[in-house]
Amino acid sequence: MTEQRLNINLPPDHHGGVFADFVRAWHTKDAFVLDFAALIQPPHSETEGQVVLDAAVVGRVRIPPAQVFELMKALETQLSAWEKETGQRHS
């Protein structure tokens, strides 16, 4: 099999990235969808016992199912490196 190399071009207006407080993952038959969202105002109570968080999607990423496994491996590798570098561990 011929070795492949992927050159990724990041447009200048994307260099800073976007901040997201959380991500929601869902799927269709053909794709996994990751909606990254950021809080747009402080939490507030709307009804008794419920705290309401208002957030806006700052990015939506759709990936084919086969790519999910690669994403999981890459996240694990990066999380392990981050834990080693910072001495922090989150569960």
PDB file of N, CA and C in Angstrom:
ATOM      1  N   MET A   1       0.841  -1.180   0.000  1.00  0.00           N
ATOM      2  CA  MET A   1       0.000   0.000   0.000  1.00  0.00           C
ATOM      3  C   MET A   1       0.887   1.245   0.000  1.00  0.00           C
ATOM      4  N   THR A   2       0.533   2.224  -0.789  1.00  0.00           N
ATOM      5  CA  THR A   2       1.274   3.461  -0.877  1.00  0.00           C
ATOM      6  C   THR A   2       1.012   4.323   0.353  1.00  0.00           C
ATOM      7  N   GLU A   3       2.064   4.874   0.915  1.00  0.00           N
ATOM      8  CA  GLU A   3       1.925   5.761   2.075  1.00  0.00           C
ATOM      9  C   GLU A   3       1.239   7.054   1.644  1.00  0.00           C
ATOM     10  N   GLN A   4       0.359   7.536   2.486  1.00  0.00           N
ATOM     11  CA  GLN A   4      -0.342   8.788   2.203  1.00  0.00           C
ATOM     12  C   GLN A   4       0.122   9.873   3.156  1.00  0.00           C
ATOM     13  N   ARG A   5       0.130  11.088   2.678  1.00  0.00           N
ATOM     14  CA  ARG A   5       0.465  12.237   3.512  1.00  0.00           C
ATOM     15  C   ARG A   5      -0.620  13.274   3.310  1.00  0.00           C
ATOM     16  N   LEU A   6      -1.119  13.816   4.391  1.00  0.00           N
ATOM     17  CA  LEU A   6      -2.187  14.805   4.329  1.00  0.00           C
ATOM     18  C   LEU A   6      -1.636  16.164   4.729  1.00  0.00           C
ATOM     19  N   ASN A   7      -1.723  17.129   3.832  1.00  0.00           N
ATOM     20  CA  ASN A   7      -1.357  18.504   4.143  1.00  0.00           C
ATOM     21  C   ASN A   7      -2.626  19.251   4.524  1.00  0.00           C
ATOM     22  N   ILE A   8      -2.658  19.780   5.730  1.00  0.00           N
ATOM     23  CA  ILE A   8      -3.833  20.510   6.208  1.00  0.00           C
ATOM     24  C   ILE A   8      -3.528  21.996   6.179  1.00  0.00           C
ATOM     25  N   ASN A   9      -4.403  22.743   5.523  1.00  0.00           N
ATOM     26  CA  ASN A   9      -4.257  24.193   5.434  1.00  0.00           C
ATOM     27  C   ASN A   9      -5.279  24.835   6.365  1.00  0.00           C
ATOM     28  N   LEU A  10      -4.792  25.590   7.346  1.00  0.00           N
ATOM     29  CA  LEU A  10      -5.668  26.294   8.272  1.00  0.00           C
ATOM     30  C   LEU A  10      -5.751  27.753   7.844  1.00  0.00           C
ATOM     31  N   PRO A  11      -6.931  28.196   7.407  1.00  0.00           N
ATOM     32  CA  PRO A  11      -7.064  29.587   6.979  1.00  0.00           C
ATOM     33  C   PRO A  11      -6.703  30.550   8.112  1.00  0.00           C
ATOM     34  N   PRO A  12      -6.095  31.680   7.809  1.00  0.00           N
ATOM     35  CA  PRO A  12      -5.675  32.625   8.841  1.00  0.00           C
ATOM     36  C   PRO A  12      -6.797  33.026   9.806  1.00  0.00           C
ATOM     37  N   ASP A  13      -8.021  33.157   9.311  1.00  0.00           N
ATOM     38  CA  ASP A  13      -9.102  33.581  10.207  1.00  0.00           C
ATOM     39  C   ASP A  13      -9.528  32.471  11.178  1.00  0.00           C
ATOM     40  N   HIS A  14      -8.942  31.275  11.044  1.00  0.00           N
ATOM     41  CA  HIS A  14      -9.227  30.177  11.971  1.00  0.00           C
ATOM     42  C   HIS A  14      -8.083  29.927  12.958  1.00  0.00           C
ATOM     43  N   HIS A  15      -6.978  30.645  12.837  1.00  0.00           N
ATOM     44  CA  HIS A  15      -5.800  30.391  13.672  1.00  0.00           C
ATOM     45  C   HIS A  15      -6.101  30.483  15.159  1.00  0.00           C
ATOM     46  N   GLY A  16      -6.934  31.410  15.563  1.00  0.00           N
ATOM     47  CA  GLY A  16      -7.242  31.576  16.983  1.00  0.00           C
ATOM     48  C   GLY A  16      -8.211  30.551  17.528  1.00  0.00           C
ATOM     49  N   GLY A  17      -8.894  29.848  16.643  1.00  0.00           N
ATOM     50  CA  GLY A  17      -9.888  28.878  17.077  1.00  0.00           C
ATOM     51  C   GLY A  17     -11.093  29.565  17.700  1.00  0.00           C
ATOM     52  N   VAL A  18     -11.995  28.778  18.232  1.00  0.00           N
ATOM     53  CA  VAL A  18     -13.150  29.297  18.954  1.00  0.00           C
ATOM     54  C   VAL A  18     -13.237  28.563  20.277  1.00  0.00           C
ATOM     55  N   PHE A  19     -13.723  29.252  21.302  1.00  0.00           N
ATOM     56  CA  PHE A  19     -13.869  28.647  22.617  1.00  0.00           C
ATOM     57  C   PHE A  19     -15.232  27.975  22.722  1.00  0.00           C
ATOM     58  N   ALA A  20     -15.259  26.810  23.350  1.00  0.00           N
ATOM     59  CA  ALA A  20     -16.520  26.112  23.599  1.00  0.00           C
ATOM     60  C   ALA A  20     -16.516  25.597  25.035  1.00  0.00           C
ATOM     61  N   ASP A  21     -17.633  25.782  25.725  1.00  0.00           N
ATOM     62  CA  ASP A  21     -17.775  25.291  27.091  1.00  0.00           C
ATOM     63  C   ASP A  21     -18.126  23.808  27.129  1.00  0.00           C
ATOM     64  N   PHE A  22     -18.768  23.333  26.082  1.00  0.00           N
ATOM     65  CA  PHE A  22     -19.153  21.924  26.042  1.00  0.00           C
ATOM     66  C   PHE A  22     -19.416  21.484  24.617  1.00  0.00           C
ATOM     67  N   VAL A  23     -19.579  20.178  24.461  1.00  0.00           N
ATOM     68  CA  VAL A  23     -19.870  19.615  23.147  1.00  0.00           C
ATOM     69  C   VAL A  23     -21.013  18.613  23.296  1.00  0.00           C
ATOM     70  N   ARG A  24     -21.900  18.617  22.331  1.00  0.00           N
ATOM     71  CA  ARG A  24     -22.989  17.640  22.281  1.00  0.00           C
ATOM     72  C   ARG A  24     -22.710  16.736  21.085  1.00  0.00           C
ATOM     73  N   ALA A  25     -22.755  15.436  21.315  1.00  0.00           N
ATOM     74  CA  ALA A  25     -22.511  14.469  20.241  1.00  0.00           C
ATOM     75  C   ALA A  25     -23.809  13.726  19.933  1.00  0.00           C
ATOM     76  N   TRP A  26     -24.082  13.577  18.647  1.00  0.00           N
ATOM     77  CA  TRP A  26     -25.243  12.817  18.207  1.00  0.00           C
ATOM     78  C   TRP A  26     -24.916  12.213  16.852  1.00  0.00           C
ATOM     79  N   HIS A  27     -25.783  11.373  16.352  1.00  0.00           N
ATOM     80  CA  HIS A  27     -25.463  10.712  15.086  1.00  0.00           C
ATOM     81  C   HIS A  27     -26.700  10.537  14.216  1.00  0.00           C
ATOM     82  N   THR A  28     -26.409  10.382  12.940  1.00  0.00           N
ATOM     83  CA  THR A  28     -27.394   9.978  11.946  1.00  0.00           C
ATOM     84  C   THR A  28     -26.914   8.634  11.411  1.00  0.00           C
ATOM     85  N   LYS A  29     -27.600   8.106  10.431  1.00  0.00           N
ATOM     86  CA  LYS A  29     -27.170   6.838   9.826  1.00  0.00           C
ATOM     87  C   LYS A  29     -25.782   6.960   9.192  1.00  0.00           C
ATOM     88  N   ASP A  30     -25.478   8.126   8.654  1.00  0.00           N
ATOM     89  CA  ASP A  30     -24.254   8.294   7.870  1.00  0.00           C
ATOM     90  C   ASP A  30     -23.148   9.115   8.513  1.00  0.00           C
ATOM     91  N   ALA A  31     -23.418   9.747   9.664  1.00  0.00           N
ATOM     92  CA  ALA A  31     -22.407  10.637  10.232  1.00  0.00           C
ATOM     93  C   ALA A  31     -22.586  10.809  11.735  1.00  0.00           C
ATOM     94  N   PHE A  32     -21.475  11.098  12.409  1.00  0.00           N
ATOM     95  CA  PHE A  32     -21.510  11.553  13.788  1.00  0.00           C
ATOM     96  C   PHE A  32     -21.391  13.063  13.737  1.00  0.00           C
ATOM     97  N   VAL A  33     -22.145  13.732  14.587  1.00  0.00           N
ATOM     98  CA  VAL A  33     -22.168  15.191  14.590  1.00  0.00           C
ATOM     99  C   VAL A  33     -21.737  15.679  15.964  1.00  0.00           C
ATOM    100  N   LEU A  34     -20.794  16.617  15.980  1.00  0.00           N
ATOM    101  CA  LEU A  34     -20.327  17.241  17.213  1.00  0.00           C
ATOM    102  C   LEU A  34     -20.700  18.712  17.151  1.00  0.00           C
ATOM    103  N   ASP A  35     -21.572  19.137  18.058  1.00  0.00           N
ATOM    104  CA  ASP A  35     -21.943  20.545  18.164  1.00  0.00           C
ATOM    105  C   ASP A  35     -21.188  21.143  19.341  1.00  0.00           C
ATOM    106  N   PHE A  36     -20.266  22.057  19.057  1.00  0.00           N
ATOM    107  CA  PHE A  36     -19.513  22.747  20.092  1.00  0.00           C
ATOM    108  C   PHE A  36     -20.256  24.038  20.427  1.00  0.00           C
ATOM    109  N   ALA A  37     -20.451  24.297  21.721  1.00  0.00           N
ATOM    110  CA  ALA A  37     -21.245  25.458  22.122  1.00  0.00           C
ATOM    111  C   ALA A  37     -20.555  26.235  23.234  1.00  0.00           C
ATOM    112  N   ALA A  38     -20.851  27.533  23.288  1.00  0.00           N
ATOM    113  CA  ALA A  38     -20.318  28.421  24.313  1.00  0.00           C
ATOM    114  C   ALA A  38     -21.478  29.109  25.021  1.00  0.00           C
ATOM    115  N   LEU A  39     -21.344  29.235  26.329  1.00  0.00           N
ATOM    116  CA  LEU A  39     -22.362  29.948  27.101  1.00  0.00           C
ATOM    117  C   LEU A  39     -22.418  31.397  26.636  1.00  0.00           C
ATOM    118  N   ILE A  40     -23.626  31.943  26.525  1.00  0.00           N
ATOM    119  CA  ILE A  40     -23.762  33.319  26.038  1.00  0.00           C
ATOM    120  C   ILE A  40     -24.209  34.275  27.132  1.00  0.00           C
ATOM    121  N   GLN A  41     -24.540  33.760  28.308  1.00  0.00           N
ATOM    122  CA  GLN A  41     -24.852  34.605  29.461  1.00  0.00           C
ATOM    123  C   GLN A  41     -24.736  33.744  30.706  1.00  0.00           C
ATOM    124  N   PRO A  42     -24.655  34.368  31.880  1.00  0.00           N
ATOM    125  CA  PRO A  42     -24.557  33.570  33.113  1.00  0.00           C
ATOM    126  C   PRO A  42     -25.791  32.684  33.299  1.00  0.00           C
ATOM    127  N   PRO A  43     -25.632  31.548  33.992  1.00  0.00           N
ATOM    128  CA  PRO A  43     -26.786  30.679  34.259  1.00  0.00           C
ATOM    129  C   PRO A  43     -27.864  31.439  35.024  1.00  0.00           C
ATOM    130  N   HIS A  44     -29.119  31.082  34.786  1.00  0.00           N
ATOM    131  CA  HIS A  44     -30.218  31.704  35.518  1.00  0.00           C
ATOM    132  C   HIS A  44     -31.301  30.671  35.777  1.00  0.00           C
ATOM    133  N   SER A  45     -32.085  30.908  36.789  1.00  0.00           N
ATOM    134  CA  SER A  45     -33.186  29.994  37.112  1.00  0.00           C
ATOM    135  C   SER A  45     -34.439  30.471  36.418  1.00  0.00           C
ATOM    136  N   GLU A  46     -35.101  29.541  35.745  1.00  0.00           N
ATOM    137  CA  GLU A  46     -36.327  29.881  35.039  1.00  0.00           C
ATOM    138  C   GLU A  46     -37.547  29.314  35.751  1.00  0.00           C
ATOM    139  N   THR A  47     -37.424  28.098  36.242  1.00  0.00           N
ATOM    140  CA  THR A  47     -38.497  27.486  37.024  1.00  0.00           C
ATOM    141  C   THR A  47     -37.864  26.872  38.264  1.00  0.00           C
ATOM    142  N   GLU A  48     -38.679  26.571  39.239  1.00  0.00           N
ATOM    143  CA  GLU A  48     -38.114  26.069  40.490  1.00  0.00           C
ATOM    144  C   GLU A  48     -37.328  24.780  40.274  1.00  0.00           C
ATOM    145  N   GLY A  49     -36.138  24.757  40.848  1.00  0.00           N
ATOM    146  CA  GLY A  49     -35.291  23.582  40.760  1.00  0.00           C
ATOM    147  C   GLY A  49     -34.530  23.398  39.464  1.00  0.00           C
ATOM    148  N   GLN A  50     -34.695  24.303  38.518  1.00  0.00           N
ATOM    149  CA  GLN A  50     -33.983  24.170  37.240  1.00  0.00           C
ATOM    150  C   GLN A  50     -33.099  25.385  37.010  1.00  0.00           C
ATOM    151  N   VAL A  51     -31.857  25.115  36.675  1.00  0.00           N
ATOM    152  CA  VAL A  51     -30.945  26.173  36.260  1.00  0.00           C
ATOM    153  C   VAL A  51     -30.873  26.114  34.745  1.00  0.00           C
ATOM    154  N   VAL A  52     -31.063  27.240  34.104  1.00  0.00           N
ATOM    155  CA  VAL A  52     -31.071  27.302  32.648  1.00  0.00           C
ATOM    156  C   VAL A  52     -29.745  27.873  32.162  1.00  0.00           C
ATOM    157  N   LEU A  53     -29.125  27.161  31.225  1.00  0.00           N
ATOM    158  CA  LEU A  53     -27.890  27.623  30.591  1.00  0.00           C
ATOM    159  C   LEU A  53     -28.207  27.946  29.138  1.00  0.00           C
ATOM    160  N   ASP A  54     -27.950  29.170  28.738  1.00  0.00           N
ATOM    161  CA  ASP A  54     -28.145  29.561  27.343  1.00  0.00           C
ATOM    162  C   ASP A  54     -26.795  29.508  26.634  1.00  0.00           C
ATOM    163  N   ALA A  55     -26.760  28.765  25.548  1.00  0.00           N
ATOM    164  CA  ALA A  55     -25.508  28.592  24.816  1.00  0.00           C
ATOM    165  C   ALA A  55     -25.768  28.706  23.322  1.00  0.00           C
ATOM    166  N   ALA A  56     -24.723  29.074  22.599  1.00  0.00           N
ATOM    167  CA  ALA A  56     -24.798  29.177  21.145  1.00  0.00           C
ATOM    168  C   ALA A  56     -23.782  28.225  20.534  1.00  0.00           C
ATOM    169  N   VAL A  57     -24.177  27.531  19.488  1.00  0.00           N
ATOM    170  CA  VAL A  57     -23.252  26.648  18.782  1.00  0.00           C
ATOM    171  C   VAL A  57     -22.221  27.514  18.064  1.00  0.00           C
ATOM    172  N   VAL A  58     -20.946  27.230  18.328  1.00  0.00           N
ATOM    173  CA  VAL A  58     -19.866  27.978  17.688  1.00  0.00           C
ATOM    174  C   VAL A  58     -19.214  27.174  16.567  1.00  0.00           C
ATOM    175  N   GLY A  59     -19.566  25.895  16.494  1.00  0.00           N
ATOM    176  CA  GLY A  59     -19.047  25.065  15.418  1.00  0.00           C
ATOM    177  C   GLY A  59     -19.745  23.722  15.397  1.00  0.00           C
ATOM    178  N   ARG A  60     -20.019  23.238  14.212  1.00  0.00           N
ATOM    179  CA  ARG A  60     -20.612  21.904  14.033  1.00  0.00           C
ATOM    180  C   ARG A  60     -19.674  21.118  13.135  1.00  0.00           C
ATOM    181  N   VAL A  61     -19.313  19.919  13.590  1.00  0.00           N
ATOM    182  CA  VAL A  61     -18.414  19.063  12.834  1.00  0.00           C
ATOM    183  C   VAL A  61     -19.131  17.749  12.563  1.00  0.00           C
ATOM    184  N   ARG A  62     -19.177  17.356  11.315  1.00  0.00           N
ATOM    185  CA  ARG A  62     -19.793  16.085  10.909  1.00  0.00           C
ATOM    186  C   ARG A  62     -18.675  15.178  10.412  1.00  0.00           C
ATOM    187  N   ILE A  63     -18.607  13.961  10.971  1.00  0.00           N
ATOM    188  CA  ILE A  63     -17.567  13.027  10.552  1.00  0.00           C
ATOM    189  C   ILE A  63     -18.186  11.666  10.236  1.00  0.00           C
ATOM    190  N   PRO A  64     -17.574  10.936   9.302  1.00  0.00           N
ATOM    191  CA  PRO A  64     -18.091   9.601   8.987  1.00  0.00           C
ATOM    192  C   PRO A  64     -17.846   8.658  10.163  1.00  0.00           C
ATOM    193  N   PRO A  65     -18.713   7.661  10.338  1.00  0.00           N
ATOM    194  CA  PRO A  65     -18.567   6.742  11.470  1.00  0.00           C
ATOM    195  C   PRO A  65     -17.168   6.139  11.614  1.00  0.00           C
ATOM    196  N   ALA A  66     -16.537   5.767  10.525  1.00  0.00           N
ATOM    197  CA  ALA A  66     -15.202   5.161  10.609  1.00  0.00           C
ATOM    198  C   ALA A  66     -14.185   6.109  11.234  1.00  0.00           C
ATOM    199  N   GLN A  67     -14.380   7.401  11.089  1.00  0.00           N
ATOM    200  CA  GLN A  67     -13.431   8.383  11.615  1.00  0.00           C
ATOM    201  C   GLN A  67     -13.554   8.556  13.127  1.00  0.00           C
ATOM    202  N   VAL A  68     -14.682   8.140  13.710  1.00  0.00           N
ATOM    203  CA  VAL A  68     -14.890   8.282  15.157  1.00  0.00           C
ATOM    204  C   VAL A  68     -13.814   7.519  15.927  1.00  0.00           C
ATOM    205  N   PHE A  69     -13.447   6.337  15.442  1.00  0.00           N
ATOM    206  CA  PHE A  69     -12.432   5.549  16.135  1.00  0.00           C
ATOM    207  C   PHE A  69     -11.088   6.276  16.143  1.00  0.00           C
ATOM    208  N   GLU A  70     -10.735   6.882  15.027  1.00  0.00           N
ATOM    209  CA  GLU A  70      -9.486   7.644  14.956  1.00  0.00           C
ATOM    210  C   GLU A  70      -9.527   8.859  15.866  1.00  0.00           C
ATOM    211  N   LEU A  71     -10.682   9.513  15.926  1.00  0.00           N
ATOM    212  CA  LEU A  71     -10.846  10.669  16.813  1.00  0.00           C
ATOM    213  C   LEU A  71     -10.675  10.257  18.271  1.00  0.00           C
ATOM    214  N   MET A  72     -11.283   9.150  18.660  1.00  0.00           N
ATOM    215  CA  MET A  72     -11.166   8.668  20.042  1.00  0.00           C
ATOM    216  C   MET A  72      -9.712   8.359  20.388  1.00  0.00           C
ATOM    217  N   LYS A  73      -8.992   7.721  19.479  1.00  0.00           N
ATOM    218  CA  LYS A  73      -7.578   7.409  19.723  1.00  0.00           C
ATOM    219  C   LYS A  73      -6.755   8.687  19.852  1.00  0.00           C
ATOM    220  N   ALA A  74      -7.013   9.649  18.966  1.00  0.00           N
ATOM    221  CA  ALA A  74      -6.259  10.905  19.005  1.00  0.00           C
ATOM    222  C   ALA A  74      -6.538  11.675  20.295  1.00  0.00           C
ATOM    223  N   LEU A  75      -7.789  11.693  20.739  1.00  0.00           N
ATOM    224  CA  LEU A  75      -8.128  12.369  21.998  1.00  0.00           C
ATOM    225  C   LEU A  75      -7.443  11.690  23.182  1.00  0.00           C
ATOM    226  N   GLU A  76      -7.420  10.372  23.195  1.00  0.00           N
ATOM    227  CA  GLU A  76      -6.758   9.639  24.280  1.00  0.00           C
ATOM    228  C   GLU A  76      -5.264   9.936  24.305  1.00  0.00           C
ATOM    229  N   THR A  77      -4.639   9.962  23.136  1.00  0.00           N
ATOM    230  CA  THR A  77      -3.211  10.262  23.052  1.00  0.00           C
ATOM    231  C   THR A  77      -2.925  11.669  23.573  1.00  0.00           C
ATOM    232  N   GLN A  78      -3.726  12.631  23.130  1.00  0.00           N
ATOM    233  CA  GLN A  78      -3.513  14.014  23.551  1.00  0.00           C
ATOM    234  C   GLN A  78      -3.824  14.217  25.031  1.00  0.00           C
ATOM    235  N   LEU A  79      -4.861  13.556  25.542  1.00  0.00           N
ATOM    236  CA  LEU A  79      -5.192  13.669  26.967  1.00  0.00           C
ATOM    237  C   LEU A  79      -4.073  13.087  27.817  1.00  0.00           C
ATOM    238  N   SER A  80      -3.534  11.948  27.428  1.00  0.00           N
ATOM    239  CA  SER A  80      -2.425  11.339  28.171  1.00  0.00           C
ATOM    240  C   SER A  80      -1.204  12.249  28.177  1.00  0.00           C
ATOM    241  N   ALA A  81      -0.897  12.854  27.040  1.00  0.00           N
ATOM    242  CA  ALA A  81       0.242  13.776  26.957  1.00  0.00           C
ATOM    243  C   ALA A  81      -0.005  14.997  27.832  1.00  0.00           C
ATOM    244  N   TRP A  82      -1.212  15.529  27.814  1.00  0.00           N
ATOM    245  CA  TRP A  82      -1.552  16.704  28.630  1.00  0.00           C
ATOM    246  C   TRP A  82      -1.417  16.379  30.115  1.00  0.00           C
ATOM    247  N   GLU A  83      -1.924  15.199  30.535  1.00  0.00           N
ATOM    248  CA  GLU A  83      -1.820  14.791  31.938  1.00  0.00           C
ATOM    249  C   GLU A  83      -0.365  14.667  32.365  1.00  0.00           C
ATOM    250  N   LYS A  84       0.462  14.101  31.500  1.00  0.00           N
ATOM    251  CA  LYS A  84       1.887  13.946  31.814  1.00  0.00           C
ATOM    252  C   LYS A  84       2.573  15.305  31.916  1.00  0.00           C
ATOM    253  N   GLU A  85       2.261  16.213  30.995  1.00  0.00           N
ATOM    254  CA  GLU A  85       2.896  17.531  30.967  1.00  0.00           C
ATOM    255  C   GLU A  85       2.455  18.411  32.129  1.00  0.00           C
ATOM    256  N   THR A  86       1.180  18.337  32.511  1.00  0.00           N
ATOM    257  CA  THR A  86       0.659  19.246  33.540  1.00  0.00           C
ATOM    258  C   THR A  86       0.604  18.628  34.935  1.00  0.00           C
ATOM    259  N   GLY A  87       0.697  17.304  35.013  1.00  0.00           N
ATOM    260  CA  GLY A  87       0.573  16.632  36.307  1.00  0.00           C
ATOM    261  C   GLY A  87      -0.874  16.578  36.788  1.00  0.00           C
ATOM    262  N   GLN A  88      -1.796  16.997  35.953  1.00  0.00           N
ATOM    263  CA  GLN A  88      -3.218  16.978  36.316  1.00  0.00           C
ATOM    264  C   GLN A  88      -3.874  15.734  35.762  1.00  0.00           C
ATOM    265  N   ARG A  89      -4.888  15.273  36.484  1.00  0.00           N
ATOM    266  CA  ARG A  89      -5.651  14.119  36.009  1.00  0.00           C
ATOM    267  C   ARG A  89      -7.107  14.389  36.299  1.00  0.00           C
ATOM    268  N   HIS A  90      -7.923  14.281  35.279  1.00  0.00           N
ATOM    269  CA  HIS A  90      -9.370  14.471  35.415  1.00  0.00           C
ATOM    270  C   HIS A  90     -10.055  13.176  35.078  1.00  0.00           C
ATOM    271  N   SER A  91     -11.111  12.882  35.828  1.00  0.00           N
ATOM    272  CA  SER A  91     -11.847  11.656  35.530  1.00  0.00           C
ATOM    273  C   SER A  91     -13.264  11.951  35.123  1.00  0.00           C
TER     274      SER A  91
END
